[in-house]
Amino acid sequence: MIRFLSDSERLLKAAINRINARITEKLINSAQEFSEIAEEIPQKLQDEWSIFKEEVMKESQRLEKETDTSKEKNPNHQSTKEDLLQAQIDKLRSKVIEINKSIEEKN
């Protein structure tokens, strides 16, 4: 026996079908957006890492020049290698903290 849907049943079924279609569409769009973002993250991290390495090299050169200038001004005062390394480590640590904060703010 074939049963025909009443107007209210048909309307309800149509509403459910459209809701289902919209939810599916939104999920697909969200998955695509997430996929695009996920693809960009490695490149952004690589770019940040390259910039950081460049900054470290420049800072190292600056510290070297600063040390040379300091020695020229005061030849009796000699910094030990340990002091110089510790200063570089401290600068690097603060830069890493800055980069971490920047990355966290972007996420």
C-alpha atoms as a PDB file:
ATOM      1  CA  MET A   1       0.000   0.000   0.000  1.00  0.00           C
ATOM      2  CA  ILE A   2       1.414   3.361  -1.038  1.00  0.00           C
ATOM      3  CA  ARG A   3       1.075   6.103   1.524  1.00  0.00           C
ATOM      4  CA  PHE A   4       1.165   9.695   0.389  1.00  0.00           C
ATOM      5  CA  LEU A   5       2.664  12.345   2.632  1.00  0.00           C
ATOM      6  CA  SER A   6       0.430  15.039   3.964  1.00  0.00           C
ATOM      7  CA  ASP A   7       1.331  18.676   3.329  1.00  0.00           C
ATOM      8  CA  SER A   8       2.712  19.129   6.858  1.00  0.00           C
ATOM      9  CA  GLU A   9       4.771  15.902   6.629  1.00  0.00           C
ATOM     10  CA  ARG A  10       6.168  16.959   3.256  1.00  0.00           C
ATOM     11  CA  LEU A  11       6.994  20.406   4.619  1.00  0.00           C
ATOM     12  CA  LEU A  12       8.723  18.898   7.657  1.00  0.00           C
ATOM     13  CA  LYS A  13      10.691  16.457   5.487  1.00  0.00           C
ATOM     14  CA  ALA A  14      11.712  19.310   3.148  1.00  0.00           C
ATOM     15  CA  ALA A  15      12.898  21.396   6.120  1.00  0.00           C
ATOM     16  CA  ILE A  16      14.931  18.482   7.491  1.00  0.00           C
ATOM     17  CA  ASN A  17      16.492  17.852   4.075  1.00  0.00           C
ATOM     18  CA  ARG A  18      17.492  21.514   3.706  1.00  0.00           C
ATOM     19  CA  ILE A  19      18.912  21.676   7.231  1.00  0.00           C
ATOM     20  CA  ASN A  20      20.929  18.538   6.512  1.00  0.00           C
ATOM     21  CA  ALA A  21      22.189  20.013   3.228  1.00  0.00           C
ATOM     22  CA  ARG A  22      23.209  23.293   4.878  1.00  0.00           C
ATOM     23  CA  ILE A  23      25.027  21.556   7.736  1.00  0.00           C
ATOM     24  CA  THR A  24      26.872  19.337   5.269  1.00  0.00           C
ATOM     25  CA  GLU A  25      27.856  22.361   3.178  1.00  0.00           C
ATOM     26  CA  LYS A  26      29.102  24.246   6.258  1.00  0.00           C
ATOM     27  CA  LEU A  27      31.135  21.242   7.388  1.00  0.00           C
ATOM     28  CA  ILE A  28      32.723  20.885   3.955  1.00  0.00           C
ATOM     29  CA  ASN A  29      33.563  24.609   3.837  1.00  0.00           C
ATOM     30  CA  SER A  30      35.009  24.513   7.357  1.00  0.00           C
ATOM     31  CA  ALA A  31      37.133  21.471   6.494  1.00  0.00           C
ATOM     32  CA  GLN A  32      38.464  23.233   3.387  1.00  0.00           C
ATOM     33  CA  GLU A  33      39.309  26.374   5.366  1.00  0.00           C
ATOM     34  CA  PHE A  34      41.037  24.318   8.050  1.00  0.00           C
ATOM     35  CA  SER A  35      42.994  22.450   5.377  1.00  0.00           C
ATOM     36  CA  GLU A  36      44.161  25.734   3.835  1.00  0.00           C
ATOM     37  CA  ILE A  37      45.237  27.070   7.218  1.00  0.00           C
ATOM     38  CA  ALA A  38      47.033  23.812   8.042  1.00  0.00           C
ATOM     39  CA  GLU A  39      48.941  24.047   4.760  1.00  0.00           C
ATOM     40  CA  GLU A  40      50.088  27.598   5.549  1.00  0.00           C
ATOM     41  CA  ILE A  41      51.393  26.873   9.059  1.00  0.00           C
ATOM     42  CA  PRO A  42      54.620  25.036   8.079  1.00  0.00           C
ATOM     43  CA  GLN A  43      55.573  27.825   5.664  1.00  0.00           C
ATOM     44  CA  LYS A  44      54.876  30.499   8.273  1.00  0.00           C
ATOM     45  CA  LEU A  45      56.969  28.639  10.843  1.00  0.00           C
ATOM     46  CA  GLN A  46      59.777  28.199   8.335  1.00  0.00           C
ATOM     47  CA  ASP A  47      59.653  31.909   7.489  1.00  0.00           C
ATOM     48  CA  GLU A  48      59.722  32.855  11.179  1.00  0.00           C
ATOM     49  CA  TRP A  49      62.651  30.476  11.755  1.00  0.00           C
ATOM     50  CA  SER A  50      64.601  31.985   8.838  1.00  0.00           C
ATOM     51  CA  ILE A  51      63.971  35.495  10.102  1.00  0.00           C
ATOM     52  CA  PHE A  52      65.035  34.444  13.595  1.00  0.00           C
ATOM     53  CA  LYS A  53      68.295  32.893  12.333  1.00  0.00           C
ATOM     54  CA  GLU A  54      69.036  36.054  10.380  1.00  0.00           C
ATOM     55  CA  GLU A  55      68.415  38.199  13.455  1.00  0.00           C
ATOM     56  CA  VAL A  56      70.667  35.955  15.542  1.00  0.00           C
ATOM     57  CA  MET A  57      73.492  36.307  13.035  1.00  0.00           C
ATOM     58  CA  LYS A  58      73.109  40.099  12.955  1.00  0.00           C
ATOM     59  CA  GLU A  59      72.991  40.260  16.739  1.00  0.00           C
ATOM     60  CA  SER A  60      76.086  38.107  16.969  1.00  0.00           C
ATOM     61  CA  GLN A  61      77.912  40.430  14.579  1.00  0.00           C
ATOM     62  CA  ARG A  62      76.718  43.451  16.538  1.00  0.00           C
ATOM     63  CA  LEU A  63      77.950  41.931  19.788  1.00  0.00           C
ATOM     64  CA  GLU A  64      81.279  41.123  18.204  1.00  0.00           C
ATOM     65  CA  LYS A  65      81.679  44.718  17.011  1.00  0.00           C
ATOM     66  CA  GLU A  66      80.549  45.991  20.412  1.00  0.00           C
ATOM     67  CA  THR A  67      83.152  43.817  22.119  1.00  0.00           C
ATOM     68  CA  ASP A  68      85.879  44.947  19.734  1.00  0.00           C
ATOM     69  CA  THR A  69      84.954  48.597  20.308  1.00  0.00           C
ATOM     70  CA  SER A  70      84.941  48.052  24.057  1.00  0.00           C
ATOM     71  CA  LYS A  71      88.390  46.483  23.950  1.00  0.00           C
ATOM     72  CA  GLU A  72      89.697  49.386  21.874  1.00  0.00           C
ATOM     73  CA  LYS A  73      88.381  51.924  24.377  1.00  0.00           C
ATOM     74  CA  ASN A  74      89.670  50.036  27.394  1.00  0.00           C
ATOM     75  CA  PRO A  75      92.481  47.644  26.448  1.00  0.00           C
ATOM     76  CA  ASN A  76      93.084  46.686  30.100  1.00  0.00           C
ATOM     77  CA  HIS A  77      89.539  45.274  30.421  1.00  0.00           C
ATOM     78  CA  GLN A  78      89.199  41.865  28.776  1.00  0.00           C
ATOM     79  CA  SER A  79      85.897  40.015  28.766  1.00  0.00           C
ATOM     80  CA  THR A  80      86.147  36.311  29.049  1.00  0.00           C
ATOM     81  CA  LYS A  81      84.680  34.082  26.388  1.00  0.00           C
ATOM     82  CA  GLU A  82      82.211  32.802  28.963  1.00  0.00           C
ATOM     83  CA  ASP A  83      80.882  36.313  29.587  1.00  0.00           C
ATOM     84  CA  LEU A  84      80.417  36.910  25.873  1.00  0.00           C
ATOM     85  CA  LEU A  85      78.696  33.583  25.357  1.00  0.00           C
ATOM     86  CA  GLN A  86      76.402  34.166  28.315  1.00  0.00           C
ATOM     87  CA  ALA A  87      75.428  37.566  26.948  1.00  0.00           C
ATOM     88  CA  GLN A  88      74.631  36.001  23.571  1.00  0.00           C
ATOM     89  CA  ILE A  89      72.628  33.230  25.223  1.00  0.00           C
ATOM     90  CA  ASP A  90      70.638  35.780  27.229  1.00  0.00           C
ATOM     91  CA  LYS A  91      69.865  37.777  24.091  1.00  0.00           C
ATOM     92  CA  LEU A  92      68.829  34.617  22.234  1.00  0.00           C
ATOM     93  CA  ARG A  93      66.576  33.530  25.072  1.00  0.00           C
ATOM     94  CA  SER A  94      64.781  36.854  25.101  1.00  0.00           C
ATOM     95  CA  LYS A  95      64.354  36.721  21.312  1.00  0.00           C
ATOM     96  CA  VAL A  96      62.921  33.187  21.499  1.00  0.00           C
ATOM     97  CA  ILE A  97      60.454  34.371  24.133  1.00  0.00           C
ATOM     98  CA  GLU A  98      59.419  37.262  21.859  1.00  0.00           C
ATOM     99  CA  ILE A  99      58.903  34.928  18.901  1.00  0.00           C
ATOM    100  CA  ASN A 100      56.900  32.464  21.003  1.00  0.00           C
ATOM    101  CA  LYS A 101      54.643  35.278  22.188  1.00  0.00           C
ATOM    102  CA  SER A 102      54.205  36.471  18.609  1.00  0.00           C
ATOM    103  CA  ILE A 103      53.279  32.989  17.388  1.00  0.00           C
ATOM    104  CA  GLU A 104      50.853  32.469  20.287  1.00  0.00           C
ATOM    105  CA  GLU A 105      49.177  35.807  19.540  1.00  0.00           C
ATOM    106  CA  LYS A 106      48.711  34.807  15.898  1.00  0.00           C
ATOM    107  CA  ASN A 107      47.083  31.539  16.914  1.00  0.00           C
END
